[in-house]
């Protein structure tokens, strides 16, 4: 019985820590403002999104690099073999040319982890589109 109580306590504690981590994963509203300011000139999201100066970013999580059909990717991006996850997108946003040498993306990088988390939280809201 004592083991069951300890196990229950551990599970509840773990659930609390996991939910705190989920909350720390970014502010989608702040990410939307940041996206419009620093990403929106080249990328689109939403129901009518299409590729323009950069690919549309609906459903980016889990998508292989260089794979949308409405954008002409660089050879480097097509050959990168990356599947976009929170980790790979974080690294790419921090240093695009370091992650995919030869990419055509003209972006200096985003070094503030909180801003990266906010942008990723915003992009996550377009995962089902």
N, C-alpha and C. Protein backbone atom coordinates (compact mmCIF):
# COMPACT_ATOMS: atom_id res chain seq x y z
N UNK A 1 0.82 -1.19 0.00
CA UNK A 1 0.00 0.00 0.00
C UNK A 1 0.87 1.26 0.00
N UNK A 2 1.95 1.22 0.80
CA UNK A 2 2.85 2.37 0.86
C UNK A 2 3.50 2.63 -0.50
N UNK A 3 3.86 1.54 -1.21
CA UNK A 3 4.45 1.69 -2.55
C UNK A 3 3.47 2.34 -3.51
N UNK A 4 2.20 1.98 -3.41
CA UNK A 4 1.19 2.57 -4.29
C UNK A 4 1.04 4.06 -4.02
N UNK A 5 1.10 4.46 -2.76
CA UNK A 5 1.01 5.88 -2.41
C UNK A 5 2.21 6.64 -2.94
N UNK A 6 3.39 6.07 -2.81
CA UNK A 6 4.61 6.71 -3.32
C UNK A 6 4.54 6.83 -4.84
N UNK A 7 4.10 5.76 -5.51
CA UNK A 7 3.97 5.78 -6.95
C UNK A 7 2.96 6.83 -7.40
N UNK A 8 1.84 6.91 -6.73
CA UNK A 8 0.82 7.90 -7.05
C UNK A 8 1.37 9.31 -6.89
N UNK A 9 2.08 9.55 -5.79
CA UNK A 9 2.69 10.86 -5.55
C UNK A 9 3.70 11.19 -6.66
N UNK A 10 4.53 10.23 -7.02
CA UNK A 10 5.53 10.45 -8.07
C UNK A 10 4.86 10.78 -9.40
N UNK A 11 3.80 10.07 -9.73
CA UNK A 11 3.08 10.34 -10.98
C UNK A 11 2.45 11.72 -10.98
N UNK A 12 1.86 12.12 -9.85
CA UNK A 12 1.26 13.45 -9.76
C UNK A 12 2.32 14.54 -9.85
N UNK A 13 3.45 14.33 -9.21
CA UNK A 13 4.55 15.29 -9.28
C UNK A 13 5.06 15.41 -10.70
N UNK A 14 5.23 14.28 -11.36
CA UNK A 14 5.70 14.27 -12.74
C UNK A 14 4.70 14.97 -13.66
N UNK A 15 3.43 14.74 -13.47
CA UNK A 15 2.40 15.40 -14.28
C UNK A 15 2.46 16.90 -14.10
N UNK A 16 2.68 17.35 -12.88
CA UNK A 16 2.81 18.78 -12.63
C UNK A 16 4.03 19.37 -13.31
N UNK A 17 5.14 18.67 -13.28
CA UNK A 17 6.35 19.15 -13.94
C UNK A 17 6.18 19.18 -15.44
N UNK A 18 5.53 18.16 -15.99
CA UNK A 18 5.32 18.12 -17.44
C UNK A 18 4.41 19.26 -17.89
N UNK A 19 3.37 19.56 -17.13
CA UNK A 19 2.49 20.65 -17.53
C UNK A 19 3.21 21.98 -17.42
N UNK A 20 4.11 22.13 -16.46
CA UNK A 20 4.90 23.36 -16.36
C UNK A 20 5.82 23.50 -17.57
N UNK A 21 6.38 22.37 -18.03
CA UNK A 21 7.22 22.42 -19.22
C UNK A 21 6.41 22.78 -20.45
N UNK A 22 5.19 22.28 -20.53
CA UNK A 22 4.34 22.60 -21.67
C UNK A 22 4.03 24.08 -21.69
N UNK A 23 3.79 24.67 -20.51
CA UNK A 23 3.53 26.10 -20.45
C UNK A 23 4.77 26.90 -20.84
N UNK A 24 5.94 26.36 -20.55
CA UNK A 24 7.18 27.06 -20.87
C UNK A 24 7.55 26.94 -22.34
N UNK A 25 6.74 26.27 -23.12
CA UNK A 25 7.07 26.01 -24.52
C UNK A 25 6.78 27.19 -25.44
N UNK A 26 6.36 28.31 -24.91
CA UNK A 26 6.18 29.49 -25.74
C UNK A 26 4.80 30.09 -25.67
N UNK A 27 4.72 31.34 -26.06
CA UNK A 27 3.50 32.13 -26.07
C UNK A 27 3.10 32.35 -27.53
N UNK A 28 2.05 31.67 -27.97
CA UNK A 28 1.64 31.73 -29.37
C UNK A 28 1.24 33.14 -29.78
N UNK A 29 0.61 33.89 -28.89
CA UNK A 29 0.20 35.26 -29.24
C UNK A 29 1.42 36.15 -29.48
N UNK A 30 2.40 36.07 -28.59
CA UNK A 30 3.64 36.83 -28.78
C UNK A 30 4.37 36.33 -30.02
N UNK A 31 4.33 35.02 -30.25
CA UNK A 31 4.96 34.45 -31.44
C UNK A 31 4.32 34.93 -32.72
N UNK A 32 3.00 35.13 -32.70
CA UNK A 32 2.31 35.65 -33.89
C UNK A 32 2.77 37.05 -34.24
N UNK A 33 2.93 37.88 -33.23
CA UNK A 33 3.41 39.25 -33.47
C UNK A 33 4.84 39.23 -34.01
N UNK A 34 5.66 38.38 -33.41
CA UNK A 34 7.05 38.26 -33.84
C UNK A 34 7.13 37.68 -35.26
N UNK A 35 6.31 36.67 -35.54
CA UNK A 35 6.29 36.06 -36.87
C UNK A 35 5.97 37.11 -37.93
N UNK A 36 4.93 37.90 -37.68
CA UNK A 36 4.53 38.92 -38.66
C UNK A 36 5.65 39.91 -38.90
N UNK A 37 6.39 40.24 -37.85
CA UNK A 37 7.45 41.24 -37.97
C UNK A 37 8.71 40.70 -38.64
N UNK A 38 9.14 39.48 -38.27
CA UNK A 38 10.44 39.01 -38.78
C UNK A 38 10.35 37.89 -39.81
N UNK A 39 9.21 37.21 -39.89
CA UNK A 39 9.08 36.07 -40.82
C UNK A 39 8.08 36.34 -41.93
N UNK A 40 7.08 37.17 -41.63
CA UNK A 40 5.93 37.35 -42.52
C UNK A 40 6.25 37.98 -43.86
N UNK A 41 7.40 38.60 -44.01
CA UNK A 41 7.77 39.15 -45.31
C UNK A 41 8.06 38.07 -46.34
N UNK A 42 8.41 36.89 -45.87
CA UNK A 42 8.76 35.79 -46.78
C UNK A 42 7.87 34.56 -46.63
N UNK A 43 7.34 34.34 -45.43
CA UNK A 43 6.57 33.12 -45.15
C UNK A 43 5.12 33.45 -44.82
N UNK A 44 4.23 32.53 -45.18
CA UNK A 44 2.81 32.67 -44.87
C UNK A 44 2.34 31.45 -44.07
N UNK A 45 1.30 31.67 -43.27
CA UNK A 45 0.59 30.61 -42.57
C UNK A 45 -0.89 30.93 -42.64
N UNK A 46 -1.71 29.91 -42.43
CA UNK A 46 -3.15 30.12 -42.43
C UNK A 46 -3.81 29.46 -43.62
N UNK A 47 -5.13 29.61 -43.68
CA UNK A 47 -5.92 28.92 -44.69
C UNK A 47 -5.52 29.25 -46.12
N UNK A 48 -5.14 30.48 -46.39
CA UNK A 48 -4.80 30.86 -47.77
C UNK A 48 -3.29 30.94 -48.00
N UNK A 49 -2.50 30.37 -47.11
CA UNK A 49 -1.04 30.44 -47.22
C UNK A 49 -0.54 29.74 -48.48
N UNK A 50 0.47 30.34 -49.06
CA UNK A 50 1.13 29.75 -50.22
C UNK A 50 2.60 30.15 -50.19
N UNK A 51 3.40 29.49 -50.96
CA UNK A 51 4.80 29.85 -51.05
C UNK A 51 4.95 31.17 -51.77
N UNK A 52 5.89 31.99 -51.31
CA UNK A 52 6.20 33.25 -51.99
C UNK A 52 7.72 33.40 -51.99
N UNK A 53 8.27 34.32 -51.22
CA UNK A 53 9.73 34.41 -51.11
C UNK A 53 10.30 33.26 -50.28
N UNK A 54 9.44 32.60 -49.54
CA UNK A 54 9.78 31.43 -48.76
C UNK A 54 8.59 30.49 -48.78
N UNK A 55 8.77 29.25 -48.35
CA UNK A 55 7.65 28.30 -48.36
C UNK A 55 6.60 28.67 -47.30
N UNK A 56 5.36 28.26 -47.55
CA UNK A 56 4.33 28.41 -46.51
C UNK A 56 4.67 27.44 -45.39
N UNK A 57 4.29 27.79 -44.18
CA UNK A 57 4.73 27.02 -43.02
C UNK A 57 3.61 26.29 -42.29
N UNK A 58 2.45 26.13 -42.91
CA UNK A 58 1.39 25.30 -42.30
C UNK A 58 1.90 23.87 -42.17
N UNK A 59 1.64 23.25 -41.04
CA UNK A 59 2.00 21.84 -40.86
C UNK A 59 3.49 21.58 -40.91
N UNK A 60 4.30 22.54 -40.50
CA UNK A 60 5.75 22.40 -40.60
C UNK A 60 6.31 21.28 -39.71
N UNK A 61 5.71 21.06 -38.54
CA UNK A 61 6.22 20.03 -37.64
C UNK A 61 5.98 18.64 -38.22
N UNK A 62 7.06 17.89 -38.40
CA UNK A 62 6.97 16.55 -38.96
C UNK A 62 7.16 16.52 -40.47
N UNK A 63 7.29 17.67 -41.08
CA UNK A 63 7.44 17.75 -42.54
C UNK A 63 8.91 17.67 -42.92
N UNK A 64 9.24 16.90 -43.94
CA UNK A 64 10.63 16.85 -44.41
C UNK A 64 11.03 18.18 -45.07
N UNK A 65 12.27 18.55 -44.90
CA UNK A 65 12.77 19.79 -45.51
C UNK A 65 12.65 19.73 -47.03
N UNK A 66 12.33 20.87 -47.61
CA UNK A 66 12.27 20.97 -49.06
C UNK A 66 11.17 20.18 -49.70
N UNK A 67 10.02 20.03 -49.04
CA UNK A 67 9.03 19.09 -49.57
C UNK A 67 7.69 19.69 -49.99
N UNK A 68 7.42 20.97 -49.75
CA UNK A 68 6.14 21.48 -50.23
C UNK A 68 6.22 21.67 -51.73
N UNK A 69 5.08 21.60 -52.38
CA UNK A 69 5.07 21.65 -53.85
C UNK A 69 4.88 23.06 -54.40
N UNK A 70 4.60 24.03 -53.52
CA UNK A 70 4.34 25.38 -54.03
C UNK A 70 5.52 26.33 -53.83
N UNK A 71 6.70 25.78 -53.68
CA UNK A 71 7.89 26.61 -53.50
C UNK A 71 9.08 25.92 -54.14
N UNK A 72 9.95 26.68 -54.77
CA UNK A 72 11.15 26.15 -55.41
C UNK A 72 12.32 26.26 -54.43
N UNK A 73 12.66 25.15 -53.80
CA UNK A 73 13.69 25.12 -52.77
C UNK A 73 15.09 25.10 -53.37
N UNK A 74 16.06 25.54 -52.58
CA UNK A 74 17.47 25.41 -52.97
C UNK A 74 17.83 23.93 -52.97
N UNK A 75 18.84 23.59 -53.72
CA UNK A 75 19.32 22.21 -53.72
C UNK A 75 19.76 21.80 -52.32
N UNK A 76 20.35 22.74 -51.59
CA UNK A 76 20.81 22.44 -50.23
C UNK A 76 19.65 22.04 -49.32
N UNK A 77 18.53 22.75 -49.42
CA UNK A 77 17.37 22.43 -48.57
C UNK A 77 16.75 21.11 -48.98
N UNK A 78 16.67 20.87 -50.29
CA UNK A 78 16.10 19.59 -50.75
C UNK A 78 16.95 18.41 -50.31
N UNK A 79 18.26 18.60 -50.25
CA UNK A 79 19.17 17.51 -49.92
C UNK A 79 19.46 17.41 -48.42
N UNK A 80 18.94 18.33 -47.62
CA UNK A 80 19.29 18.38 -46.20
C UNK A 80 18.85 17.16 -45.42
N UNK A 81 17.75 16.54 -45.83
CA UNK A 81 17.28 15.34 -45.12
C UNK A 81 16.81 15.60 -43.71
N UNK A 82 16.30 16.78 -43.46
CA UNK A 82 15.83 17.15 -42.12
C UNK A 82 14.33 16.93 -42.04
N UNK A 83 13.87 16.41 -40.92
CA UNK A 83 12.45 16.41 -40.60
C UNK A 83 12.29 17.50 -39.56
N UNK A 84 11.39 18.44 -39.81
CA UNK A 84 11.24 19.59 -38.93
C UNK A 84 10.53 19.21 -37.64
N UNK A 85 11.27 19.27 -36.57
CA UNK A 85 10.77 19.03 -35.21
C UNK A 85 11.04 20.30 -34.41
N UNK A 86 10.60 20.33 -33.19
CA UNK A 86 10.89 21.48 -32.32
C UNK A 86 12.41 21.70 -32.22
N UNK A 87 13.16 20.61 -32.12
CA UNK A 87 14.61 20.71 -31.98
C UNK A 87 15.27 21.20 -33.26
N UNK A 88 14.89 20.62 -34.40
CA UNK A 88 15.53 21.04 -35.65
C UNK A 88 15.12 22.45 -36.04
N UNK A 89 13.88 22.82 -35.79
CA UNK A 89 13.45 24.20 -36.08
C UNK A 89 14.14 25.20 -35.16
N UNK A 90 14.33 24.84 -33.90
CA UNK A 90 15.04 25.72 -32.98
C UNK A 90 16.46 25.96 -33.48
N UNK A 91 17.15 24.90 -33.83
CA UNK A 91 18.51 25.03 -34.34
C UNK A 91 18.53 25.86 -35.62
N UNK A 92 17.57 25.63 -36.50
CA UNK A 92 17.52 26.36 -37.78
C UNK A 92 17.23 27.84 -37.56
N UNK A 93 16.30 28.15 -36.68
CA UNK A 93 16.00 29.56 -36.41
C UNK A 93 17.18 30.27 -35.76
N UNK A 94 17.96 29.55 -34.99
CA UNK A 94 19.13 30.16 -34.35
C UNK A 94 20.26 30.38 -35.36
N UNK A 95 20.42 29.48 -36.33
CA UNK A 95 21.53 29.58 -37.27
C UNK A 95 21.19 28.84 -38.58
N UNK A 96 20.38 29.46 -39.43
CA UNK A 96 19.93 28.78 -40.65
C UNK A 96 21.07 28.25 -41.52
N UNK A 97 22.07 29.06 -41.76
CA UNK A 97 23.16 28.64 -42.64
C UNK A 97 24.09 27.62 -41.98
N UNK A 98 24.08 27.57 -40.66
CA UNK A 98 24.84 26.55 -39.94
C UNK A 98 24.17 25.19 -40.01
N UNK A 99 22.84 25.18 -40.03
CA UNK A 99 22.08 23.92 -40.09
C UNK A 99 21.97 23.42 -41.53
N UNK A 100 21.73 24.33 -42.47
CA UNK A 100 21.64 23.96 -43.88
C UNK A 100 22.56 24.89 -44.68
N UNK A 101 23.85 24.54 -44.75
CA UNK A 101 24.76 25.35 -45.55
C UNK A 101 24.28 25.40 -47.00
N UNK A 102 24.22 26.59 -47.55
CA UNK A 102 23.74 26.74 -48.93
C UNK A 102 22.28 27.10 -49.03
N UNK A 103 21.58 27.21 -47.90
CA UNK A 103 20.19 27.62 -47.95
C UNK A 103 20.10 29.04 -48.52
N UNK A 104 19.01 29.31 -49.20
CA UNK A 104 18.79 30.66 -49.72
C UNK A 104 18.13 31.58 -48.71
N UNK A 105 17.76 31.03 -47.56
CA UNK A 105 17.09 31.85 -46.55
C UNK A 105 18.04 32.93 -46.06
N UNK A 106 17.59 34.17 -46.23
CA UNK A 106 18.39 35.32 -45.80
C UNK A 106 17.85 35.75 -44.44
N UNK A 107 18.44 35.22 -43.41
CA UNK A 107 18.00 35.50 -42.05
C UNK A 107 19.21 35.33 -41.15
N UNK A 108 19.48 36.30 -40.32
CA UNK A 108 20.66 36.31 -39.46
C UNK A 108 20.57 35.35 -38.30
N UNK A 109 19.38 34.91 -37.96
CA UNK A 109 19.18 34.00 -36.84
C UNK A 109 18.50 34.70 -35.69
N UNK A 110 17.92 33.93 -34.83
CA UNK A 110 17.18 34.42 -33.67
C UNK A 110 17.81 33.79 -32.44
N UNK A 111 18.53 34.58 -31.66
CA UNK A 111 19.31 34.01 -30.56
C UNK A 111 18.56 33.95 -29.23
N UNK A 112 17.42 34.61 -29.12
CA UNK A 112 16.67 34.62 -27.86
C UNK A 112 15.79 33.37 -27.78
N UNK A 113 16.11 32.44 -26.86
CA UNK A 113 15.35 31.18 -26.77
C UNK A 113 13.85 31.40 -26.51
N UNK A 114 13.50 32.43 -25.76
CA UNK A 114 12.09 32.71 -25.49
C UNK A 114 11.36 33.11 -26.78
N UNK A 115 12.01 33.90 -27.61
CA UNK A 115 11.40 34.31 -28.88
C UNK A 115 11.27 33.13 -29.83
N UNK A 116 12.27 32.26 -29.83
CA UNK A 116 12.20 31.05 -30.65
C UNK A 116 11.01 30.20 -30.20
N UNK A 117 10.87 30.00 -28.89
CA UNK A 117 9.75 29.22 -28.36
C UNK A 117 8.41 29.85 -28.72
N UNK A 118 8.35 31.19 -28.68
CA UNK A 118 7.12 31.88 -29.03
C UNK A 118 6.75 31.67 -30.50
N UNK A 119 7.72 31.79 -31.39
CA UNK A 119 7.46 31.58 -32.82
C UNK A 119 7.03 30.14 -33.07
N UNK A 120 7.69 29.19 -32.42
CA UNK A 120 7.32 27.79 -32.61
C UNK A 120 5.93 27.50 -32.05
N UNK A 121 5.58 28.13 -30.93
CA UNK A 121 4.22 27.96 -30.38
C UNK A 121 3.19 28.51 -31.37
N UNK A 122 3.49 29.63 -32.01
CA UNK A 122 2.60 30.20 -33.01
C UNK A 122 2.47 29.25 -34.21
N UNK A 123 3.58 28.76 -34.71
CA UNK A 123 3.53 27.84 -35.86
C UNK A 123 2.76 26.57 -35.52
N UNK A 124 2.84 26.13 -34.28
CA UNK A 124 2.12 24.94 -33.85
C UNK A 124 0.61 25.11 -34.02
N UNK A 125 0.12 26.35 -33.93
CA UNK A 125 -1.32 26.59 -34.09
C UNK A 125 -1.79 26.36 -35.52
N UNK A 126 -0.87 26.23 -36.46
CA UNK A 126 -1.20 25.99 -37.87
C UNK A 126 -0.83 24.57 -38.29
N UNK A 127 -0.66 23.69 -37.35
CA UNK A 127 -0.23 22.32 -37.64
C UNK A 127 -1.29 21.55 -38.42
N UNK A 128 -2.56 21.81 -38.19
CA UNK A 128 -3.60 21.01 -38.84
C UNK A 128 -4.04 21.58 -40.19
N UNK A 129 -3.41 22.64 -40.63
CA UNK A 129 -3.84 23.25 -41.91
C UNK A 129 -3.02 22.75 -43.07
